[in-house]
Amino acid sequence: MTDRWQDATILFVSDAGATAAFYADKLGFTVNWRHDEDGRTLAAGISRDDCSLLLNTQRPDRVGKGAIYFGFGEATYDAIRADFLAKGVGLKDGWWGKRLMIVEDPDGNQLWFADPRDHG
């Protein structure tokens, strides 16, 4: 364990195993660890670059209510968008001070990707 602060966003999900697979297969995340009990994944830690997420099933009242905002330069944004389209990820348009590309996970948690060309 390190003395440095570590952070991760918690997303509450109904099935951490299935959701971890979605993030890995469709969005390019790595599954770093899983906690299974009785054949069911209750929690999983996933990451991509400097983004760490914890998927947790232990708060069913909060499932699908998360949103995460991401900002990138144009080249990274374009590469991510092309990768998502190639993998058949459903993309929605949105707005939050600037244009957004929105991805929903299987439970409805949203990932908001800001379009770097839109300056609000």
Protein backbone atom coordinates (compact mmCIF):
# COMPACT_ATOMS: atom_id res chain seq x y z
CA MET A 1 0.00 0.00 0.00
CA THR A 2 1.20 3.48 -0.80
CA ASP A 3 1.04 6.64 1.30
CA ARG A 4 -0.27 8.55 -1.73
CA TRP A 5 -3.94 9.22 -2.10
CA GLN A 6 -5.70 6.87 -4.47
CA ASP A 7 -9.06 7.61 -5.99
CA ALA A 8 -11.73 5.76 -7.89
CA THR A 9 -15.28 6.54 -8.87
CA ILE A 10 -17.85 4.07 -7.57
CA LEU A 11 -20.63 3.03 -9.92
CA PHE A 12 -23.46 1.01 -8.49
CA VAL A 13 -24.52 -1.83 -10.78
CA SER A 14 -26.82 -4.84 -10.69
CA ASP A 15 -24.23 -7.37 -11.96
CA ALA A 16 -20.58 -6.39 -11.47
CA GLY A 17 -19.33 -9.30 -13.59
CA ALA A 18 -21.44 -8.44 -16.63
CA THR A 19 -20.75 -4.73 -16.26
CA ALA A 20 -16.99 -5.31 -15.94
CA ALA A 21 -17.13 -7.37 -19.14
CA PHE A 22 -18.96 -4.52 -20.92
CA TYR A 23 -16.35 -1.98 -19.84
CA ALA A 24 -13.51 -4.33 -20.85
CA ASP A 25 -14.93 -5.59 -24.16
CA LYS A 26 -16.60 -2.41 -25.41
CA LEU A 27 -14.79 0.49 -23.73
CA GLY A 28 -11.20 -0.80 -23.46
CA PHE A 29 -10.93 -0.99 -19.66
CA THR A 30 -8.86 -3.61 -17.83
CA VAL A 31 -10.45 -5.69 -15.07
CA ASN A 32 -7.92 -5.45 -12.23
CA TRP A 33 -9.75 -7.45 -9.58
CA ARG A 34 -13.10 -9.05 -8.75
CA HIS A 35 -14.76 -10.04 -5.51
CA ASP A 36 -16.99 -13.10 -5.97
CA GLU A 37 -19.27 -14.79 -3.48
CA ASP A 38 -21.48 -17.79 -4.21
CA GLY A 39 -20.66 -17.60 -7.92
CA ARG A 40 -21.67 -13.93 -8.24
CA THR A 41 -19.35 -10.95 -8.71
CA LEU A 42 -20.27 -8.42 -6.01
CA ALA A 43 -17.58 -5.88 -6.86
CA ALA A 44 -14.89 -5.29 -9.46
CA GLY A 45 -12.08 -2.80 -9.97
CA ILE A 46 -11.47 -1.65 -13.52
CA SER A 47 -9.20 0.96 -15.08
CA ARG A 48 -8.14 2.63 -18.29
CA ASP A 49 -5.17 4.98 -18.31
CA ASP A 50 -5.55 7.10 -15.14
CA CYS A 51 -9.27 6.38 -14.73
CA SER A 52 -10.17 3.88 -11.98
CA LEU A 53 -13.72 2.68 -11.42
CA LEU A 54 -15.17 0.47 -8.74
CA LEU A 55 -18.27 -1.48 -9.74
CA ASN A 56 -20.38 -2.35 -6.71
CA THR A 57 -23.63 -4.30 -6.35
CA GLN A 58 -24.24 -3.57 -2.69
CA ARG A 59 -26.42 -0.47 -3.07
CA PRO A 60 -29.35 -1.50 -5.28
CA ASP A 61 -31.10 1.79 -4.52
CA ARG A 62 -28.33 3.64 -6.41
CA VAL A 63 -27.98 1.39 -9.47
CA GLY A 64 -27.82 3.29 -12.74
CA LYS A 65 -27.71 6.78 -11.26
CA GLY A 66 -24.02 7.59 -11.90
CA ALA A 67 -22.47 9.95 -14.42
CA ILE A 68 -18.79 10.56 -15.14
CA TYR A 69 -17.41 13.44 -17.22
CA PHE A 70 -14.31 12.97 -19.40
CA GLY A 71 -12.35 15.55 -21.35
CA PHE A 72 -9.63 14.87 -23.93
CA GLY A 73 -7.77 16.54 -26.76
CA GLU A 74 -9.09 16.15 -30.29
CA ALA A 75 -6.88 13.20 -31.31
CA THR A 76 -7.78 11.13 -28.24
CA TYR A 77 -11.48 12.01 -28.49
CA ASP A 78 -11.54 11.02 -32.19
CA ALA A 79 -9.70 7.74 -31.50
CA ILE A 80 -12.06 6.83 -28.65
CA ARG A 81 -15.14 7.68 -30.73
CA ALA A 82 -13.86 5.58 -33.67
CA ASP A 83 -13.06 2.66 -31.35
CA PHE A 84 -16.52 2.79 -29.75
CA LEU A 85 -18.23 2.92 -33.15
CA ALA A 86 -16.13 -0.02 -34.41
CA LYS A 87 -17.20 -2.06 -31.37
CA GLY A 88 -20.87 -1.22 -31.82
CA VAL A 89 -21.16 0.89 -28.67
CA GLY A 90 -24.40 2.86 -28.66
CA LEU A 91 -23.58 6.58 -28.60
CA LYS A 92 -25.99 9.33 -27.67
CA ASP A 93 -25.67 13.06 -28.13
CA GLY A 94 -25.94 15.32 -25.11
CA TRP A 95 -25.13 18.75 -23.77
CA TRP A 96 -23.58 19.98 -20.53
CA GLY A 97 -21.98 23.31 -21.30
CA LYS A 98 -20.65 21.74 -24.49
CA ARG A 99 -21.54 18.88 -26.83
CA LEU A 100 -21.23 15.44 -25.30
CA MET A 101 -20.91 11.92 -26.61
CA ILE A 102 -22.75 9.80 -24.04
CA VAL A 103 -22.28 6.06 -23.43
CA GLU A 104 -24.58 4.17 -21.06
CA ASP A 105 -23.46 1.01 -19.30
CA PRO A 106 -25.88 -1.94 -18.95
CA ASP A 107 -27.45 -0.36 -15.83
CA GLY A 108 -27.82 3.15 -17.23
CA ASN A 109 -24.80 4.81 -15.61
CA GLN A 110 -23.56 7.41 -18.07
CA LEU A 111 -20.09 8.30 -19.31
CA TRP A 112 -20.02 11.84 -20.72
CA PHE A 113 -17.24 12.55 -23.23
CA ALA A 114 -16.85 16.26 -23.99
CA ASP A 115 -16.28 17.23 -27.61
CA PRO A 116 -13.02 19.23 -27.53
CA ARG A 117 -14.08 21.22 -30.62
CA ASP A 118 -17.06 22.75 -28.78
CA HIS A 119 -15.96 25.55 -26.50
CA GLY A 120 -19.38 26.09 -24.95
